[in-house]
Amino acid sequence: MEREPRTVTVSLPPALLRDVDRLAESEGRTRSELFREALRQYMQRIERWEQIFAFGEQVARERGLSEEDVAKVVKARRRSGRRSTH
């Protein structure tokens, strides 16, 4: 069961606050709605990255790869991706 919302004070530079207000107005939302949505998305993104890293660590363990091995594979893939024309 959710409790009553609590008020939190956040300091923002004036230019960022103007941007927030413009965005909130353009979307027909309040500042609070905008900040709640931004925080939800941020927390979901962090959780997703944690899942991705955990998966990568699991696969590396299963294949007996060290961090150095993984770094080499990533570096090689990035190099080959840059050269490809697809």
PDB file of N, CA and C in Angstrom:
ATOM      1  N   MET A   1       0.840  -1.181   0.000  1.00  0.00           N
ATOM      2  CA  MET A   1       0.000   0.000   0.000  1.00  0.00           C
ATOM      3  C   MET A   1       0.881   1.238   0.000  1.00  0.00           C
ATOM      4  N   GLU A   2       0.626   2.139  -0.939  1.00  0.00           N
ATOM      5  CA  GLU A   2       1.441   3.347  -1.037  1.00  0.00           C
ATOM      6  C   GLU A   2       0.982   4.376  -0.028  1.00  0.00           C
ATOM      7  N   ARG A   3       1.949   5.089   0.465  1.00  0.00           N
ATOM      8  CA  ARG A   3       1.656   6.161   1.412  1.00  0.00           C
ATOM      9  C   ARG A   3       1.483   7.468   0.658  1.00  0.00           C
ATOM     10  N   GLU A   4       1.125   8.480   1.381  1.00  0.00           N
ATOM     11  CA  GLU A   4       0.963   9.812   0.786  1.00  0.00           C
ATOM     12  C   GLU A   4       2.290  10.278   0.192  1.00  0.00           C
ATOM     13  N   PRO A   5       2.225  10.977  -0.923  1.00  0.00           N
ATOM     14  CA  PRO A   5       3.464  11.509  -1.518  1.00  0.00           C
ATOM     15  C   PRO A   5       4.172  12.461  -0.558  1.00  0.00           C
ATOM     16  N   ARG A   6       5.475  12.491  -0.676  1.00  0.00           N
ATOM     17  CA  ARG A   6       6.283  13.406   0.129  1.00  0.00           C
ATOM     18  C   ARG A   6       6.886  14.457  -0.785  1.00  0.00           C
ATOM     19  N   THR A   7       7.072  15.628  -0.260  1.00  0.00           N
ATOM     20  CA  THR A   7       7.681  16.713  -1.013  1.00  0.00           C
ATOM     21  C   THR A   7       9.191  16.656  -0.829  1.00  0.00           C
ATOM     22  N   VAL A   8       9.913  16.821  -1.938  1.00  0.00           N
ATOM     23  CA  VAL A   8      11.367  16.818  -1.934  1.00  0.00           C
ATOM     24  C   VAL A   8      11.830  18.110  -2.594  1.00  0.00           C
ATOM     25  N   THR A   9      12.809  18.751  -2.011  1.00  0.00           N
ATOM     26  CA  THR A   9      13.343  19.976  -2.592  1.00  0.00           C
ATOM     27  C   THR A   9      14.594  19.640  -3.391  1.00  0.00           C
ATOM     28  N   VAL A  10      14.651  20.124  -4.634  1.00  0.00           N
ATOM     29  CA  VAL A  10      15.790  19.891  -5.510  1.00  0.00           C
ATOM     30  C   VAL A  10      16.246  21.238  -6.048  1.00  0.00           C
ATOM     31  N   SER A  11      17.548  21.470  -6.020  1.00  0.00           N
ATOM     32  CA  SER A  11      18.099  22.711  -6.568  1.00  0.00           C
ATOM     33  C   SER A  11      18.516  22.488  -8.015  1.00  0.00           C
ATOM     34  N   LEU A  12      18.107  23.407  -8.884  1.00  0.00           N
ATOM     35  CA  LEU A  12      18.457  23.322 -10.298  1.00  0.00           C
ATOM     36  C   LEU A  12      18.989  24.662 -10.773  1.00  0.00           C
ATOM     37  N   PRO A  13      19.941  24.629 -11.691  1.00  0.00           N
ATOM     38  CA  PRO A  13      20.376  25.894 -12.288  1.00  0.00           C
ATOM     39  C   PRO A  13      19.195  26.511 -13.045  1.00  0.00           C
ATOM     40  N   PRO A  14      19.119  27.834 -13.093  1.00  0.00           N
ATOM     41  CA  PRO A  14      17.987  28.504 -13.749  1.00  0.00           C
ATOM     42  C   PRO A  14      17.736  28.038 -15.188  1.00  0.00           C
ATOM     43  N   ALA A  15      18.779  27.846 -15.960  1.00  0.00           N
ATOM     44  CA  ALA A  15      18.590  27.436 -17.364  1.00  0.00           C
ATOM     45  C   ALA A  15      17.946  26.051 -17.441  1.00  0.00           C
ATOM     46  N   LEU A  16      18.358  25.134 -16.581  1.00  0.00           N
ATOM     47  CA  LEU A  16      17.771  23.799 -16.583  1.00  0.00           C
ATOM     48  C   LEU A  16      16.313  23.854 -16.143  1.00  0.00           C
ATOM     49  N   LEU A  17      16.014  24.676 -15.160  1.00  0.00           N
ATOM     50  CA  LEU A  17      14.632  24.818 -14.705  1.00  0.00           C
ATOM     51  C   LEU A  17      13.749  25.376 -15.827  1.00  0.00           C
ATOM     52  N   ARG A  18      14.272  26.325 -16.590  1.00  0.00           N
ATOM     53  CA  ARG A  18      13.502  26.848 -17.732  1.00  0.00           C
ATOM     54  C   ARG A  18      13.231  25.740 -18.741  1.00  0.00           C
ATOM     55  N   ASP A  19      14.239  24.905 -18.991  1.00  0.00           N
ATOM     56  CA  ASP A  19      14.058  23.786 -19.919  1.00  0.00           C
ATOM     57  C   ASP A  19      13.010  22.808 -19.394  1.00  0.00           C
ATOM     58  N   VAL A  20      13.062  22.532 -18.108  1.00  0.00           N
ATOM     59  CA  VAL A  20      12.086  21.636 -17.489  1.00  0.00           C
ATOM     60  C   VAL A  20      10.685  22.209 -17.638  1.00  0.00           C
ATOM     61  N   ASP A  21      10.538  23.487 -17.332  1.00  0.00           N
ATOM     62  CA  ASP A  21       9.218  24.116 -17.431  1.00  0.00           C
ATOM     63  C   ASP A  21       8.690  24.117 -18.865  1.00  0.00           C
ATOM     64  N   ARG A  22       9.570  24.374 -19.834  1.00  0.00           N
ATOM     65  CA  ARG A  22       9.149  24.346 -21.240  1.00  0.00           C
ATOM     66  C   ARG A  22       8.692  22.945 -21.641  1.00  0.00           C
ATOM     67  N   LEU A  23       9.454  21.951 -21.244  1.00  0.00           N
ATOM     68  CA  LEU A  23       9.106  20.578 -21.581  1.00  0.00           C
ATOM     69  C   LEU A  23       7.799  20.164 -20.906  1.00  0.00           C
ATOM     70  N   ALA A  24       7.667  20.491 -19.636  1.00  0.00           N
ATOM     71  CA  ALA A  24       6.437  20.148 -18.910  1.00  0.00           C
ATOM     72  C   ALA A  24       5.236  20.797 -19.581  1.00  0.00           C
ATOM     73  N   GLU A  25       5.377  22.058 -19.935  1.00  0.00           N
ATOM     74  CA  GLU A  25       4.269  22.760 -20.604  1.00  0.00           C
ATOM     75  C   GLU A  25       3.937  22.132 -21.953  1.00  0.00           C
ATOM     76  N   SER A  26       4.987  21.817 -22.722  1.00  0.00           N
ATOM     77  CA  SER A  26       4.741  21.254 -24.053  1.00  0.00           C
ATOM     78  C   SER A  26       4.075  19.883 -23.977  1.00  0.00           C
ATOM     79  N   GLU A  27       4.289  19.169 -22.878  1.00  0.00           N
ATOM     80  CA  GLU A  27       3.688  17.847 -22.715  1.00  0.00           C
ATOM     81  C   GLU A  27       2.413  17.885 -21.872  1.00  0.00           C
ATOM     82  N   GLY A  28       2.050  19.066 -21.397  1.00  0.00           N
ATOM     83  CA  GLY A  28       0.857  19.187 -20.576  1.00  0.00           C
ATOM     84  C   GLY A  28       0.990  18.472 -19.242  1.00  0.00           C
ATOM     85  N   ARG A  29       2.188  18.526 -18.678  1.00  0.00           N
ATOM     86  CA  ARG A  29       2.468  17.842 -17.415  1.00  0.00           C
ATOM     87  C   ARG A  29       2.958  18.843 -16.383  1.00  0.00           C
ATOM     88  N   THR A  30       2.922  18.436 -15.144  1.00  0.00           N
ATOM     89  CA  THR A  30       3.505  19.264 -14.078  1.00  0.00           C
ATOM     90  C   THR A  30       4.991  18.930 -13.953  1.00  0.00           C
ATOM     91  N   ARG A  31       5.712  19.791 -13.272  1.00  0.00           N
ATOM     92  CA  ARG A  31       7.114  19.491 -12.984  1.00  0.00           C
ATOM     93  C   ARG A  31       7.229  18.159 -12.251  1.00  0.00           C
ATOM     94  N   SER A  32       6.373  17.980 -11.277  1.00  0.00           N
ATOM     95  CA  SER A  32       6.426  16.748 -10.478  1.00  0.00           C
ATOM     96  C   SER A  32       6.239  15.519 -11.340  1.00  0.00           C
ATOM     97  N   GLU A  33       5.267  15.556 -12.252  1.00  0.00           N
ATOM     98  CA  GLU A  33       5.037  14.414 -13.139  1.00  0.00           C
ATOM     99  C   GLU A  33       6.272  14.155 -14.000  1.00  0.00           C
ATOM    100  N   LEU A  34       6.859  15.228 -14.502  1.00  0.00           N
ATOM    101  CA  LEU A  34       8.033  15.111 -15.343  1.00  0.00           C
ATOM    102  C   LEU A  34       9.195  14.497 -14.569  1.00  0.00           C
ATOM    103  N   PHE A  35       9.451  14.981 -13.353  1.00  0.00           N
ATOM    104  CA  PHE A  35      10.546  14.450 -12.542  1.00  0.00           C
ATOM    105  C   PHE A  35      10.295  13.002 -12.133  1.00  0.00           C
ATOM    106  N   ARG A  36       9.061  12.662 -11.794  1.00  0.00           N
ATOM    107  CA  ARG A  36       8.761  11.275 -11.436  1.00  0.00           C
ATOM    108  C   ARG A  36       9.057  10.349 -12.607  1.00  0.00           C
ATOM    109  N   GLU A  37       8.604  10.741 -13.790  1.00  0.00           N
ATOM    110  CA  GLU A  37       8.850   9.914 -14.976  1.00  0.00           C
ATOM    111  C   GLU A  37      10.342   9.820 -15.281  1.00  0.00           C
ATOM    112  N   ALA A  38      11.056  10.923 -15.171  1.00  0.00           N
ATOM    113  CA  ALA A  38      12.501  10.914 -15.430  1.00  0.00           C
ATOM    114  C   ALA A  38      13.212   9.984 -14.455  1.00  0.00           C
ATOM    115  N   LEU A  39      12.843  10.027 -13.193  1.00  0.00           N
ATOM    116  CA  LEU A  39      13.473   9.150 -12.203  1.00  0.00           C
ATOM    117  C   LEU A  39      13.136   7.691 -12.446  1.00  0.00           C
ATOM    118  N   ARG A  40      11.883   7.406 -12.788  1.00  0.00           N
ATOM    119  CA  ARG A  40      11.507   6.023 -13.098  1.00  0.00           C
ATOM    120  C   ARG A  40      12.334   5.493 -14.271  1.00  0.00           C
ATOM    121  N   GLN A  41      12.449   6.283 -15.325  1.00  0.00           N
ATOM    122  CA  GLN A  41      13.217   5.847 -16.492  1.00  0.00           C
ATOM    123  C   GLN A  41      14.693   5.672 -16.159  1.00  0.00           C
ATOM    124  N   TYR A  42      15.236   6.592 -15.372  1.00  0.00           N
ATOM    125  CA  TYR A  42      16.646   6.498 -14.973  1.00  0.00           C
ATOM    126  C   TYR A  42      16.886   5.217 -14.179  1.00  0.00           C
ATOM    127  N   MET A  43      16.020   4.937 -13.228  1.00  0.00           N
ATOM    128  CA  MET A  43      16.192   3.746 -12.393  1.00  0.00           C
ATOM    129  C   MET A  43      16.027   2.471 -13.224  1.00  0.00           C
ATOM    130  N   GLN A  44      15.112   2.474 -14.188  1.00  0.00           N
ATOM    131  CA  GLN A  44      14.953   1.318 -15.074  1.00  0.00           C
ATOM    132  C   GLN A  44      16.197   1.116 -15.935  1.00  0.00           C
ATOM    133  N   ARG A  45      16.777   2.213 -16.399  1.00  0.00           N
ATOM    134  CA  ARG A  45      17.982   2.122 -17.221  1.00  0.00           C
ATOM    135  C   ARG A  45      19.150   1.551 -16.408  1.00  0.00           C
ATOM    136  N   ILE A  46      19.289   2.013 -15.176  1.00  0.00           N
ATOM    137  CA  ILE A  46      20.351   1.499 -14.302  1.00  0.00           C
ATOM    138  C   ILE A  46      20.147   0.005 -14.065  1.00  0.00           C
ATOM    139  N   GLU A  47      18.918  -0.388 -13.774  1.00  0.00           N
ATOM    140  CA  GLU A  47      18.621  -1.803 -13.543  1.00  0.00           C
ATOM    141  C   GLU A  47      18.941  -2.637 -14.784  1.00  0.00           C
ATOM    142  N   ARG A  48      18.582  -2.122 -15.957  1.00  0.00           N
ATOM    143  CA  ARG A  48      18.848  -2.844 -17.203  1.00  0.00           C
ATOM    144  C   ARG A  48      20.346  -3.020 -17.429  1.00  0.00           C
ATOM    145  N   TRP A  49      21.135  -1.972 -17.202  1.00  0.00           N
ATOM    146  CA  TRP A  49      22.586  -2.087 -17.355  1.00  0.00           C
ATOM    147  C   TRP A  49      23.160  -3.093 -16.372  1.00  0.00           C
ATOM    148  N   GLU A  50      22.640  -3.121 -15.143  1.00  0.00           N
ATOM    149  CA  GLU A  50      23.096  -4.102 -14.159  1.00  0.00           C
ATOM    150  C   GLU A  50      22.813  -5.514 -14.664  1.00  0.00           C
ATOM    151  N   GLN A  51      21.644  -5.718 -15.276  1.00  0.00           N
ATOM    152  CA  GLN A  51      21.309  -7.026 -15.831  1.00  0.00           C
ATOM    153  C   GLN A  51      22.246  -7.390 -16.979  1.00  0.00           C
ATOM    154  N   ILE A  52      22.538  -6.419 -17.828  1.00  0.00           N
ATOM    155  CA  ILE A  52      23.433  -6.665 -18.962  1.00  0.00           C
ATOM    156  C   ILE A  52      24.823  -7.055 -18.475  1.00  0.00           C
ATOM    157  N   PHE A  53      25.353  -6.318 -17.489  1.00  0.00           N
ATOM    158  CA  PHE A  53      26.682  -6.632 -16.961  1.00  0.00           C
ATOM    159  C   PHE A  53      26.690  -7.985 -16.263  1.00  0.00           C
ATOM    160  N   ALA A  54      25.636  -8.295 -15.514  1.00  0.00           N
ATOM    161  CA  ALA A  54      25.556  -9.599 -14.841  1.00  0.00           C
ATOM    162  C   ALA A  54      25.545 -10.725 -15.872  1.00  0.00           C
ATOM    163  N   PHE A  55      24.795 -10.542 -16.958  1.00  0.00           N
ATOM    164  CA  PHE A  55      24.763 -11.540 -18.021  1.00  0.00           C
ATOM    165  C   PHE A  55      26.154 -11.710 -18.634  1.00  0.00           C
ATOM    166  N   GLY A  56      26.819 -10.599 -18.920  1.00  0.00           N
ATOM    167  CA  GLY A  56      28.162 -10.647 -19.496  1.00  0.00           C
ATOM    168  C   GLY A  56      29.145 -11.360 -18.581  1.00  0.00           C
ATOM    169  N   GLU A  57      29.056 -11.079 -17.282  1.00  0.00           N
ATOM    170  CA  GLU A  57      29.936 -11.742 -16.323  1.00  0.00           C
ATOM    171  C   GLU A  57      29.649 -13.241 -16.276  1.00  0.00           C
ATOM    172  N   GLN A  58      28.382 -13.620 -16.343  1.00  0.00           N
ATOM    173  CA  GLN A  58      28.001 -15.031 -16.325  1.00  0.00           C
ATOM    174  C   GLN A  58      28.565 -15.751 -17.550  1.00  0.00           C
ATOM    175  N   VAL A  59      28.386 -15.154 -18.721  1.00  0.00           N
ATOM    176  CA  VAL A  59      28.882 -15.768 -19.953  1.00  0.00           C
ATOM    177  C   VAL A  59      30.408 -15.879 -19.910  1.00  0.00           C
ATOM    178  N   ALA A  60      31.072 -14.832 -19.437  1.00  0.00           N
ATOM    179  CA  ALA A  60      32.539 -14.865 -19.343  1.00  0.00           C
ATOM    180  C   ALA A  60      32.993 -15.988 -18.411  1.00  0.00           C
ATOM    181  N   ARG A  61      32.318 -16.134 -17.272  1.00  0.00           N
ATOM    182  CA  ARG A  61      32.658 -17.216 -16.336  1.00  0.00           C
ATOM    183  C   ARG A  61      32.467 -18.585 -16.977  1.00  0.00           C
ATOM    184  N   GLU A  62      31.308 -18.749 -17.646  1.00  0.00           N
ATOM    185  CA  GLU A  62      31.003 -20.033 -18.290  1.00  0.00           C
ATOM    186  C   GLU A  62      32.034 -20.394 -19.353  1.00  0.00           C
ATOM    187  N   ARG A  63      32.575 -19.390 -20.004  1.00  0.00           N
ATOM    188  CA  ARG A  63      33.557 -19.628 -21.074  1.00  0.00           C
ATOM    189  C   ARG A  63      34.993 -19.531 -20.583  1.00  0.00           C
ATOM    190  N   GLY A  64      35.154 -19.278 -19.289  1.00  0.00           N
ATOM    191  CA  GLY A  64      36.495 -19.204 -18.713  1.00  0.00           C
ATOM    192  C   GLY A  64      37.293 -18.005 -19.174  1.00  0.00           C
ATOM    193  N   LEU A  65      36.611 -16.906 -19.432  1.00  0.00           N
ATOM    194  CA  LEU A  65      37.278 -15.694 -19.924  1.00  0.00           C
ATOM    195  C   LEU A  65      37.606 -14.749 -18.772  1.00  0.00           C
ATOM    196  N   SER A  66      38.774 -14.139 -18.843  1.00  0.00           N
ATOM    197  CA  SER A  66      39.153 -13.110 -17.875  1.00  0.00           C
ATOM    198  C   SER A  66      38.650 -11.751 -18.374  1.00  0.00           C
ATOM    199  N   GLU A  67      38.760 -10.745 -17.529  1.00  0.00           N
ATOM    200  CA  GLU A  67      38.379  -9.392 -17.964  1.00  0.00           C
ATOM    201  C   GLU A  67      39.240  -8.956 -19.142  1.00  0.00           C
ATOM    202  N   GLU A  68      40.513  -9.324 -19.112  1.00  0.00           N
ATOM    203  CA  GLU A  68      41.406  -8.979 -20.225  1.00  0.00           C
ATOM    204  C   GLU A  68      40.950  -9.646 -21.521  1.00  0.00           C
ATOM    205  N   ASP A  69      40.530 -10.913 -21.414  1.00  0.00           N
ATOM    206  CA  ASP A  69      40.024 -11.623 -22.597  1.00  0.00           C
ATOM    207  C   ASP A  69      38.806 -10.908 -23.167  1.00  0.00           C
ATOM    208  N   VAL A  70      37.891 -10.522 -22.293  1.00  0.00           N
ATOM    209  CA  VAL A  70      36.674  -9.831 -22.724  1.00  0.00           C
ATOM    210  C   VAL A  70      37.034  -8.506 -23.380  1.00  0.00           C
ATOM    211  N   ALA A  71      37.948  -7.761 -22.763  1.00  0.00           N
ATOM    212  CA  ALA A  71      38.366  -6.471 -23.321  1.00  0.00           C
ATOM    213  C   ALA A  71      38.954  -6.652 -24.722  1.00  0.00           C
ATOM    214  N   LYS A  72      39.738  -7.713 -24.912  1.00  0.00           N
ATOM    215  CA  LYS A  72      40.319  -7.974 -26.241  1.00  0.00           C
ATOM    216  C   LYS A  72      39.235  -8.281 -27.269  1.00  0.00           C
ATOM    217  N   VAL A  73      38.251  -9.083 -26.872  1.00  0.00           N
ATOM    218  CA  VAL A  73      37.164  -9.428 -27.789  1.00  0.00           C
ATOM    219  C   VAL A  73      36.371  -8.180 -28.169  1.00  0.00           C
ATOM    220  N   VAL A  74      36.073  -7.360 -27.177  1.00  0.00           N
ATOM    221  CA  VAL A  74      35.318  -6.124 -27.437  1.00  0.00           C
ATOM    222  C   VAL A  74      36.107  -5.206 -28.360  1.00  0.00           C
ATOM    223  N   LYS A  75      37.389  -5.052 -28.059  1.00  0.00           N
ATOM    224  CA  LYS A  75      38.232  -4.178 -28.884  1.00  0.00           C
ATOM    225  C   LYS A  75      38.295  -4.679 -30.332  1.00  0.00           C
ATOM    226  N   ALA A  76      38.458  -5.985 -30.497  1.00  0.00           N
ATOM    227  CA  ALA A  76      38.511  -6.555 -31.849  1.00  0.00           C
ATOM    228  C   ALA A  76      37.185  -6.352 -32.577  1.00  0.00           C
ATOM    229  N   ARG A  77      36.084  -6.550 -31.863  1.00  0.00           N
ATOM    230  CA  ARG A  77      34.762  -6.375 -32.488  1.00  0.00           C
ATOM    231  C   ARG A  77      34.542  -4.926 -32.904  1.00  0.00           C
ATOM    232  N   ARG A  78      34.937  -4.008 -32.029  1.00  0.00           N
ATOM    233  CA  ARG A  78      34.788  -2.595 -32.375  1.00  0.00           C
ATOM    234  C   ARG A  78      35.607  -2.240 -33.609  1.00  0.00           C
ATOM    235  N   ARG A  79      36.814  -2.766 -33.677  1.00  0.00           N
ATOM    236  CA  ARG A  79      37.660  -2.509 -34.854  1.00  0.00           C
ATOM    237  C   ARG A  79      37.004  -3.049 -36.108  1.00  0.00           C
ATOM    238  N   SER A  80      36.513  -4.272 -36.051  1.00  0.00           N
ATOM    239  CA  SER A  80      35.904  -4.865 -37.239  1.00  0.00           C
ATOM    240  C   SER A  80      34.616  -4.154 -37.611  1.00  0.00           C
ATOM    241  N   GLY A  81      33.904  -3.647 -36.643  1.00  0.00           N
ATOM    242  CA  GLY A  81      32.666  -2.901 -36.905  1.00  0.00           C
ATOM    243  C   GLY A  81      32.927  -1.585 -37.589  1.00  0.00           C
ATOM    244  N   ARG A  82      34.028  -0.953 -37.237  1.00  0.00           N
ATOM    245  CA  ARG A  82      34.369   0.327 -37.867  1.00  0.00           C
ATOM    246  C   ARG A  82      34.718   0.161 -39.324  1.00  0.00           C
ATOM    247  N   ARG A  83      35.348  -0.959 -39.641  1.00  0.00           N
ATOM    248  CA  ARG A  83      35.794  -1.195 -41.018  1.00  0.00           C
ATOM    249  C   ARG A  83      34.674  -1.707 -41.906  1.00  0.00           C
ATOM    250  N   SER A  84      33.658  -2.283 -41.285  1.00  0.00           N
ATOM    251  CA  SER A  84      32.587  -2.848 -42.116  1.00  0.00           C
ATOM    252  C   SER A  84      31.725  -1.748 -42.712  1.00  0.00           C
ATOM    253  N   THR A  85      31.090  -2.077 -43.802  1.00  0.00           N
ATOM    254  CA  THR A  85      30.285  -1.081 -44.507  1.00  0.00           C
ATOM    255  C   THR A  85      28.797  -1.398 -44.478  1.00  0.00           C
ATOM    256  N   HIS A  86      28.343  -2.268 -43.526  1.00  0.00           N
ATOM    257  CA  HIS A  86      26.911  -2.557 -43.484  1.00  0.00           C
ATOM    258  C   HIS A  86      26.213  -1.551 -42.712  1.00  0.00           C
TER     259      HIS A  86
END
